[in-house]
Amino acid sequence: MERRTIYRLAEGALGELEKQSYAKISILHFRQAFARLARFAATTGELFLSDDLVKNYFLNNHGWDMSGNRKPSAHVLNQLRAIRILTCYEENGFIPGRVSQTKEPPSCFRNHYGLYLLECVNRGLSDATITNRSSDVYNLLVAANGYGMASLTEIDTKFLDEYLSICSCKTPGAMPRVLSSLRCFLRSMFSNGVIEKDMSLFIPSASRYPTKPSQKLWTREEVALLLDSVDRSDSIGKRDYALILLMVRYGIRSGDIINLKLADIDWESMVIRFCQEKTAVMNVLPILDDVGWALADWITNARPKQANTTHVFTRLTAPYCEMKSLHGVFSRRMVNAGISRVCSGKAGPHSLRHALASNMLSEQVPLPVITAVLGHSTSTSTTVYLHSDIEGLRHCALDVEEGR
């Protein structure tokens, strides 16, 4: 296949952006960004898009070195996004949804970073797990490079202790995951002969760091207030109401809601069937009346007709692809409902999963039923969600005299 020049790539990409119903002002900005790159390429005598061309373009036109550690300005970030769209269009012939930036570690660690990610893929780890681990390892490598290290053999116990202490101050709730990610990475580097000493043995246990904050304890009144505060007269309200209802009624994980496909909703049998991303276990849930009406209202009356995906929930501005996260939606709806997040524990979408399990237990719903609704394979996994049933725990409390 004949390779397309930058000018032809720009024409094709702009046509694709118009097909995906991007705003006119956005298309204008991309057109200007493509033109700036094409003019620079013309001065160098290059016709085709390449890594060297892009690197020289940013260095000469914007004074920014892609291989350095200096953060790009907002203007450079916009130009970077335009070039990623061109690259994506050249490789695929279309623009698949929102093009995001791929994190590249310092060049001295790039091969080892790629080796570890390939190992994660070969082990069959889920995309979410690989994303989390790659982010944790990337942050470690950037910090090591900031300390002047150019090789993994230079990482020692002093550096690990200082780095983990900083992490525990910034994101204490993420420490169990960070420790696990770094332990796996260092063990992999040792088994592959990259480092001579197994540094994973020096990654401490999570008990040295602040404990993970508990989930918010939702009252029935707060749940009702959250749902009632959503204005369903517009498209964004119809979408947000339907996805929040899936959390409230079924406790579905946010990742599974994002990945839910139109084909997963069986309107004839009135069930929702989906494979859970975390466990790969199939879950089948009956479509409750309010959930059914909310989903039908969103899909029929509000979901963008030009959506280029089979996902149930999509963005409402171009590109009309699937949503990437529910945290922004959830936070905004909590603020609109006037529900305080101060001293209430973790108040993300997952807290509603805990609230559902706790409320079902307080209503004397059998544990196997709760397990089935949450999609767990065993009841042992479900017990983690039941620690917040305060009323149930009160019945188990011993009288002072009895305890003595």
Protein backbone atom coordinates (compact mmCIF):
# COMPACT_ATOMS: atom_id res chain seq x y z
CA MET A 1 0.00 0.00 0.00
CA GLU A 2 1.35 3.42 -0.98
CA ARG A 3 2.27 5.55 2.00
CA ARG A 4 0.40 8.82 2.32
CA THR A 5 2.15 12.17 2.68
CA ILE A 6 1.47 14.47 5.61
CA TYR A 7 -0.82 16.62 3.43
CA ARG A 8 -2.91 13.58 2.39
CA LEU A 9 -2.98 12.29 5.98
CA ALA A 10 -4.26 15.67 7.15
CA GLU A 11 -7.01 15.70 4.52
CA GLY A 12 -8.15 12.20 5.45
CA ALA A 13 -8.00 12.86 9.19
CA LEU A 14 -10.03 16.05 8.87
CA GLY A 15 -12.65 14.17 6.85
CA GLU A 16 -12.82 11.51 9.54
CA LEU A 17 -13.23 14.16 12.25
CA GLU A 18 -16.15 15.64 10.31
CA LYS A 19 -17.75 12.18 10.04
CA GLN A 20 -17.46 11.81 13.82
CA SER A 21 -19.28 15.16 14.22
CA TYR A 22 -16.46 17.05 15.90
CA ALA A 23 -17.28 20.70 16.58
CA LYS A 24 -16.32 23.14 13.83
CA ILE A 25 -13.96 25.02 16.17
CA SER A 26 -12.18 21.75 17.08
CA ILE A 27 -11.75 20.84 13.42
CA LEU A 28 -10.37 24.33 12.76
CA HIS A 29 -7.78 23.89 15.54
CA PHE A 30 -6.73 20.50 14.18
CA ARG A 31 -6.50 21.93 10.66
CA GLN A 32 -4.16 24.66 11.90
CA ALA A 33 -2.03 22.15 13.86
CA PHE A 34 -1.73 19.86 10.82
CA ALA A 35 -0.75 22.84 8.66
CA ARG A 36 2.01 23.92 11.07
CA LEU A 37 3.51 20.42 11.01
CA ALA A 38 3.25 20.23 7.20
CA ARG A 39 5.01 23.59 6.77
CA PHE A 40 7.86 22.49 9.00
CA ALA A 41 8.16 19.20 7.09
CA ALA A 42 8.36 21.16 3.82
CA THR A 43 11.32 23.20 5.13
CA THR A 44 13.19 19.99 5.96
CA GLY A 45 12.32 18.31 2.67
CA GLU A 46 10.39 15.48 4.34
CA LEU A 47 7.07 14.26 2.97
CA PHE A 48 6.09 11.58 5.45
CA LEU A 49 5.30 11.48 9.16
CA SER A 50 8.10 10.04 11.30
CA ASP A 51 9.33 10.03 14.90
CA ASP A 52 12.42 12.06 13.98
CA LEU A 53 10.34 14.66 12.16
CA VAL A 54 8.01 15.08 15.13
CA LYS A 55 10.90 15.30 17.59
CA ASN A 56 12.69 17.94 15.50
CA TYR A 57 9.43 19.85 15.01
CA PHE A 58 8.84 20.27 18.74
CA LEU A 59 12.49 21.07 19.40
CA ASN A 60 12.76 23.72 16.68
CA ASN A 61 9.27 25.25 16.77
CA HIS A 62 8.43 24.98 20.46
CA GLY A 63 11.78 24.49 22.22
CA TRP A 64 10.53 21.27 23.83
CA ASP A 65 12.58 18.07 23.88
CA MET A 66 10.37 14.98 23.75
CA SER A 67 13.08 12.82 25.35
CA GLY A 68 13.62 15.23 28.24
CA ASN A 69 11.87 15.42 31.60
CA ARG A 70 10.36 18.92 31.19
CA LYS A 71 6.58 18.92 31.10
CA PRO A 72 5.01 20.19 27.86
CA SER A 73 3.00 23.41 27.84
CA ALA A 74 -0.71 23.50 27.09
CA HIS A 75 0.01 24.60 23.52
CA VAL A 76 2.43 21.70 23.02
CA LEU A 77 -0.11 19.26 24.46
CA ASN A 78 -2.68 20.38 21.89
CA GLN A 79 -0.16 19.91 19.10
CA LEU A 80 0.77 16.48 20.51
CA ARG A 81 -2.85 15.41 20.38
CA ALA A 82 -3.12 16.52 16.75
CA ILE A 83 -0.03 14.51 15.81
CA ARG A 84 -1.34 11.43 17.67
CA ILE A 85 -4.51 11.70 15.59
CA LEU A 86 -2.44 11.79 12.39
CA THR A 87 -0.39 8.78 13.56
CA CYS A 88 -3.50 6.85 14.50
CA TYR A 89 -5.15 7.63 11.17
CA GLU A 90 -2.05 6.53 9.25
CA GLU A 91 -1.87 3.20 11.13
CA ASN A 92 -5.58 2.34 11.18
CA GLY A 93 -7.22 4.33 8.41
CA PHE A 94 -9.66 5.81 10.92
CA ILE A 95 -9.69 7.52 14.32
CA PRO A 96 -10.97 5.06 16.96
CA GLY A 97 -12.55 7.29 19.56
CA ARG A 98 -10.57 9.63 21.76
CA VAL A 99 -6.82 9.35 21.20
CA SER A 100 -4.97 9.40 24.51
CA GLN A 101 -1.29 9.85 25.24
CA THR A 102 0.79 6.75 25.90
CA LYS A 103 3.27 7.18 28.75
CA GLU A 104 6.85 6.57 27.73
CA PRO A 105 9.40 6.01 30.52
CA PRO A 106 12.91 7.50 30.34
CA SER A 107 14.79 6.05 27.39
CA CYS A 108 17.34 4.25 29.60
CA PHE A 109 14.53 2.12 31.09
CA ARG A 110 12.35 1.76 27.98
CA ASN A 111 13.44 -1.79 27.03
CA HIS A 112 12.97 -3.18 30.53
CA TYR A 113 9.61 -1.45 30.84
CA GLY A 114 8.47 -3.00 27.56
CA LEU A 115 9.77 -6.41 28.64
CA TYR A 116 7.67 -6.29 31.80
CA LEU A 117 4.50 -5.19 30.00
CA LEU A 118 4.94 -8.02 27.47
CA GLU A 119 5.26 -10.46 30.36
CA CYS A 120 2.03 -9.12 31.88
CA VAL A 121 0.22 -9.63 28.56
CA ASN A 122 1.59 -13.16 28.18
CA ARG A 123 0.38 -14.00 31.69
CA GLY A 124 -3.16 -13.13 30.62
CA LEU A 125 -3.62 -10.23 33.05
CA SER A 126 -6.66 -8.02 32.44
CA ASP A 127 -6.30 -4.68 30.65
CA ALA A 128 -7.20 -2.82 33.86
CA THR A 129 -4.50 -4.66 35.84
CA ILE A 130 -1.88 -4.01 33.17
CA THR A 131 -2.84 -0.33 33.04
CA ASN A 132 -2.49 0.05 36.83
CA ARG A 133 0.79 -1.84 37.00
CA SER A 134 2.31 -0.01 34.06
CA SER A 135 1.39 3.33 35.66
CA ASP A 136 2.95 2.35 39.00
CA VAL A 137 6.15 1.09 37.35
CA TYR A 138 6.32 4.16 35.10
CA ASN A 139 6.18 6.46 38.15
CA LEU A 140 8.97 4.46 39.82
CA LEU A 141 11.21 4.69 36.74
CA VAL A 142 10.60 8.42 36.34
CA ALA A 143 11.51 8.94 40.01
CA ALA A 144 14.65 6.81 39.63
CA ASN A 145 15.70 8.85 36.60
CA GLY A 146 15.07 12.01 38.60
CA TYR A 147 17.55 10.71 41.19
CA GLY A 148 20.16 10.46 38.43
CA MET A 149 19.86 6.70 37.91
CA ALA A 150 20.36 5.33 34.41
CA SER A 151 20.19 1.61 35.19
CA LEU A 152 17.94 -0.65 37.26
CA THR A 153 21.04 -2.01 38.99
CA GLU A 154 21.38 1.38 40.72
CA ILE A 155 18.04 1.01 42.55
CA ASP A 156 18.77 0.26 46.20
CA THR A 157 16.85 -0.09 49.46
CA LYS A 158 17.43 3.56 50.42
CA PHE A 159 15.84 4.82 47.22
CA LEU A 160 12.91 2.40 47.53
CA ASP A 161 12.23 3.47 51.11
CA GLU A 162 12.30 7.18 50.22
CA TYR A 163 10.15 6.70 47.14
CA LEU A 164 7.52 4.61 48.94
CA SER A 165 7.39 7.08 51.82
CA ILE A 166 6.57 9.86 49.32
CA CYS A 167 3.91 7.67 47.68
CA SER A 168 2.29 6.89 51.03
CA CYS A 169 1.92 10.62 51.75
CA LYS A 170 0.42 11.42 48.33
CA THR A 171 -1.91 8.43 47.83
CA PRO A 172 -2.19 6.30 50.98
CA GLY A 173 -5.21 4.44 49.65
CA ALA A 174 -3.26 3.19 46.64
CA MET A 175 -0.32 1.78 48.59
CA PRO A 176 -1.43 -1.89 48.59
CA ARG A 177 -1.66 -1.79 44.79
CA VAL A 178 1.62 0.15 44.36
CA LEU A 179 3.52 -2.28 46.57
CA SER A 180 2.15 -5.25 44.65
CA SER A 181 3.00 -3.67 41.26
CA LEU A 182 6.58 -2.83 42.23
CA ARG A 183 7.10 -6.20 43.87
CA CYS A 184 6.03 -7.98 40.66
CA PHE A 185 8.18 -5.70 38.48
CA LEU A 186 11.36 -6.15 40.52
CA ARG A 187 10.79 -9.91 40.76
CA SER A 188 10.43 -10.01 36.97
CA MET A 189 13.65 -8.05 36.46
CA PHE A 190 15.48 -10.46 38.78
CA SER A 191 14.15 -13.58 37.06
CA ASN A 192 15.11 -12.14 33.65
CA GLY A 193 18.67 -11.44 34.81
CA VAL A 194 18.38 -7.66 34.56
CA ILE A 195 19.33 -7.18 38.22
CA GLU A 196 21.51 -9.52 40.29
CA LYS A 197 19.69 -9.09 43.61
CA ASP A 198 15.96 -9.76 44.09
CA MET A 199 14.93 -6.28 45.20
CA SER A 200 11.29 -7.38 45.49
CA LEU A 201 12.24 -8.87 48.87
CA PHE A 202 12.89 -5.35 50.14
CA ILE A 203 9.42 -4.05 49.27
CA PRO A 204 7.77 -3.77 52.72
CA SER A 205 4.29 -4.88 53.65
CA ALA A 206 1.35 -2.49 53.48
CA SER A 207 1.15 -2.41 57.29
CA ARG A 208 3.98 0.17 57.35
CA TYR A 209 1.77 2.69 55.61
CA PRO A 210 -1.57 4.37 56.38
CA THR A 211 -4.50 2.02 55.99
CA LYS A 212 -6.83 2.24 53.06
CA PRO A 213 -9.75 4.56 53.88
CA SER A 214 -13.10 2.88 54.36
CA GLN A 215 -15.96 3.29 51.89
CA LYS A 216 -18.61 5.92 52.50
CA LEU A 217 -21.62 4.66 54.47
CA TRP A 218 -24.60 5.65 52.35
CA THR A 219 -28.00 6.10 53.97
CA ARG A 220 -31.18 5.28 52.07
CA GLU A 221 -32.06 8.96 52.16
CA GLU A 222 -28.76 9.91 50.52
CA VAL A 223 -29.20 7.31 47.76
CA ALA A 224 -32.71 8.60 47.05
CA LEU A 225 -31.45 12.20 47.08
CA LEU A 226 -28.69 11.30 44.60
CA LEU A 227 -31.18 9.82 42.14
CA ASP A 228 -33.81 12.54 42.60
CA SER A 229 -31.28 15.30 41.97
CA VAL A 230 -30.64 14.16 38.39
CA ASP A 231 -32.56 16.25 35.88
CA ARG A 232 -33.68 13.76 33.21
CA SER A 233 -34.99 16.36 30.78
CA ASP A 234 -31.72 16.47 28.82
CA SER A 235 -29.37 13.90 27.32
CA ILE A 236 -26.70 14.08 30.01
CA GLY A 237 -29.32 13.61 32.73
CA LYS A 238 -30.83 10.56 31.01
CA ARG A 239 -27.39 8.97 30.67
CA ASP A 240 -26.21 9.76 34.21
CA TYR A 241 -29.48 8.59 35.77
CA ALA A 242 -29.34 5.24 33.96
CA LEU A 243 -25.73 4.47 34.89
CA ILE A 244 -26.15 5.56 38.52
CA LEU A 245 -29.26 3.38 38.74
CA LEU A 246 -27.17 0.38 37.64
CA MET A 247 -24.83 1.07 40.57
CA VAL A 248 -27.64 1.57 43.06
CA ARG A 249 -29.85 -1.39 42.09
CA TYR A 250 -27.20 -3.99 41.20
CA GLY A 251 -23.90 -2.72 42.58
CA ILE A 252 -22.27 -3.22 39.18
CA ARG A 253 -18.62 -2.18 39.10
CA SER A 254 -17.94 1.03 37.21
CA GLY A 255 -15.62 -0.77 34.79
CA ASP A 256 -18.40 -3.21 33.87
CA ILE A 257 -20.86 -0.35 33.36
CA ILE A 258 -18.40 1.37 31.01
CA ASN A 259 -17.89 -1.88 29.06
CA LEU A 260 -21.59 -2.77 28.87
CA LYS A 261 -22.65 -3.38 25.24
CA LEU A 262 -26.05 -2.95 23.61
CA ALA A 263 -26.05 -6.69 22.89
CA ASP A 264 -25.69 -7.41 26.63
CA ILE A 265 -29.25 -6.15 27.22
CA ASP A 266 -31.70 -8.91 26.32
CA TRP A 267 -35.03 -7.12 26.09
CA GLU A 268 -36.96 -10.30 25.21
CA SER A 269 -35.80 -12.19 28.30
CA MET A 270 -35.57 -8.96 30.32
CA VAL A 271 -32.07 -9.71 31.63
CA ILE A 272 -28.65 -8.09 31.45
CA ARG A 273 -25.81 -10.51 30.66
CA PHE A 274 -22.20 -9.39 30.85
CA CYS A 275 -18.77 -10.86 31.56
CA GLN A 276 -17.21 -9.14 34.55
CA GLU A 277 -13.91 -7.50 33.74
CA LYS A 278 -12.31 -8.21 37.12
CA THR A 279 -13.20 -11.90 37.50
CA ALA A 280 -14.11 -12.96 33.92
CA VAL A 281 -17.24 -14.52 35.48
CA MET A 282 -20.54 -14.14 33.61
CA ASN A 283 -23.24 -12.29 35.55
CA VAL A 284 -26.95 -12.40 34.68
CA LEU A 285 -29.27 -9.86 36.28
CA PRO A 286 -33.02 -9.34 35.81
CA ILE A 287 -34.01 -5.96 34.38
CA LEU A 288 -35.97 -4.19 37.12
CA ASP A 289 -38.77 -1.88 36.03
CA ASP A 290 -37.07 1.43 36.85
CA VAL A 291 -33.77 0.24 35.38
CA GLY A 292 -35.50 -0.89 32.17
CA TRP A 293 -37.30 2.43 31.68
CA ALA A 294 -34.13 4.42 32.40
CA LEU A 295 -32.05 2.40 29.94
CA ALA A 296 -34.76 2.60 27.26
CA ASP A 297 -35.08 6.37 27.72
CA TRP A 298 -31.33 6.85 27.33
CA ILE A 299 -30.83 4.48 24.39
CA THR A 300 -33.93 5.59 22.47
CA ASN A 301 -34.10 9.31 23.17
CA ALA A 302 -30.64 10.54 24.12
CA ARG A 303 -27.80 8.24 23.00
CA PRO A 304 -26.01 9.97 20.06
CA LYS A 305 -27.07 8.51 16.71
CA GLN A 306 -23.58 9.12 15.34
CA ALA A 307 -21.91 7.05 18.09
CA ASN A 308 -19.18 4.88 16.58
CA THR A 309 -19.33 2.20 19.27
CA THR A 310 -21.65 -0.56 20.50
CA HIS A 311 -21.15 0.45 24.13
CA VAL A 312 -24.33 1.42 25.95
CA PHE A 313 -22.91 4.57 27.55
CA THR A 314 -21.06 7.05 25.36
CA ARG A 315 -19.69 10.54 25.41
CA LEU A 316 -22.07 13.32 24.46
CA THR A 317 -19.51 15.35 22.51
CA ALA A 318 -17.27 14.26 19.67
CA PRO A 319 -15.73 11.76 19.45
CA TYR A 320 -18.88 9.83 20.40
CA CYS A 321 -17.01 6.82 21.76
CA GLU A 322 -17.42 4.89 25.00
CA MET A 323 -16.82 6.62 28.32
CA LYS A 324 -13.44 6.14 29.97
CA SER A 325 -14.37 6.76 33.60
CA LEU A 326 -17.40 7.37 35.81
CA HIS A 327 -15.63 9.23 38.61
CA GLY A 328 -16.20 12.67 37.10
CA VAL A 329 -19.89 11.98 36.54
CA PHE A 330 -20.31 10.59 40.03
CA SER A 331 -18.48 13.46 41.75
CA ARG A 332 -20.52 16.06 39.86
CA ARG A 333 -23.81 14.35 40.76
CA MET A 334 -22.85 14.18 44.45
CA VAL A 335 -22.13 17.92 44.44
CA ASN A 336 -25.43 18.67 42.70
CA ALA A 337 -27.28 16.58 45.27
CA GLY A 338 -25.56 18.43 48.13
CA ILE A 339 -24.11 15.24 49.59
CA SER A 340 -21.00 15.98 51.65
CA ARG A 341 -17.80 14.04 51.07
CA VAL A 342 -16.06 15.40 54.17
CA CYS A 343 -15.11 12.73 56.72
CA SER A 344 -17.25 10.18 54.92
CA GLY A 345 -14.61 7.75 53.66
CA LYS A 346 -14.10 6.96 49.99
CA ALA A 347 -17.11 8.29 48.13
CA GLY A 348 -16.47 6.98 44.63
CA PRO A 349 -18.80 4.84 42.49
CA HIS A 350 -17.59 1.67 44.23
CA SER A 351 -19.02 2.90 47.54
CA LEU A 352 -22.54 2.25 46.19
CA ARG A 353 -21.60 -1.40 45.70
CA HIS A 354 -20.73 -1.57 49.40
CA ALA A 355 -23.94 0.28 50.27
CA LEU A 356 -26.07 -2.19 48.31
CA ALA A 357 -24.50 -5.21 50.02
CA SER A 358 -24.89 -3.62 53.44
CA ASN A 359 -28.53 -2.66 52.84
CA MET A 360 -29.39 -6.13 51.55
CA LEU A 361 -27.83 -7.70 54.64
CA SER A 362 -29.77 -5.36 56.94
CA GLU A 363 -32.97 -6.49 55.19
CA GLN A 364 -32.13 -10.11 56.03
CA VAL A 365 -31.36 -11.06 52.43
CA PRO A 366 -29.48 -14.41 52.47
CA LEU A 367 -25.76 -14.21 51.82
CA PRO A 368 -25.90 -16.48 48.71
CA VAL A 369 -28.39 -14.05 47.12
CA ILE A 370 -26.13 -11.07 47.83
CA THR A 371 -23.22 -13.04 46.37
CA ALA A 372 -25.20 -13.72 43.18
CA VAL A 373 -26.24 -10.08 42.75
CA LEU A 374 -22.69 -8.81 43.19
CA GLY A 375 -21.40 -11.46 40.78
CA HIS A 376 -18.98 -13.13 43.18
CA SER A 377 -18.01 -16.77 42.65
CA THR A 378 -17.98 -17.50 46.42
CA SER A 379 -19.56 -15.94 49.50
CA THR A 380 -16.09 -15.41 50.97
CA SER A 381 -15.51 -12.51 48.56
CA THR A 382 -18.85 -10.98 49.54
CA THR A 383 -18.04 -10.75 53.25
CA VAL A 384 -15.55 -7.95 52.51
CA TYR A 385 -18.49 -5.73 51.52
CA LEU A 386 -20.46 -6.38 54.68
CA HIS A 387 -18.21 -4.79 57.28
CA SER A 388 -20.24 -1.57 57.19
CA ASP A 389 -23.49 -3.09 58.44
CA ILE A 390 -23.43 -1.19 61.74
CA GLU A 391 -26.89 -2.27 62.88
CA GLY A 392 -26.04 -5.92 62.29
CA LEU A 393 -22.81 -5.53 64.24
CA ARG A 394 -24.70 -3.99 67.17
CA HIS A 395 -26.64 -7.24 67.56
CA CYS A 396 -23.32 -9.05 67.94
CA ALA A 397 -21.95 -6.68 70.60
CA LEU A 398 -21.33 -8.08 74.08
CA ASP A 399 -22.55 -6.36 77.21
CA VAL A 400 -19.70 -5.04 79.37
CA GLU A 401 -20.49 -7.37 82.23
CA GLU A 402 -20.99 -10.29 79.84
CA GLY A 403 -17.69 -9.58 78.19
CA ARG A 404 -15.89 -9.69 81.52
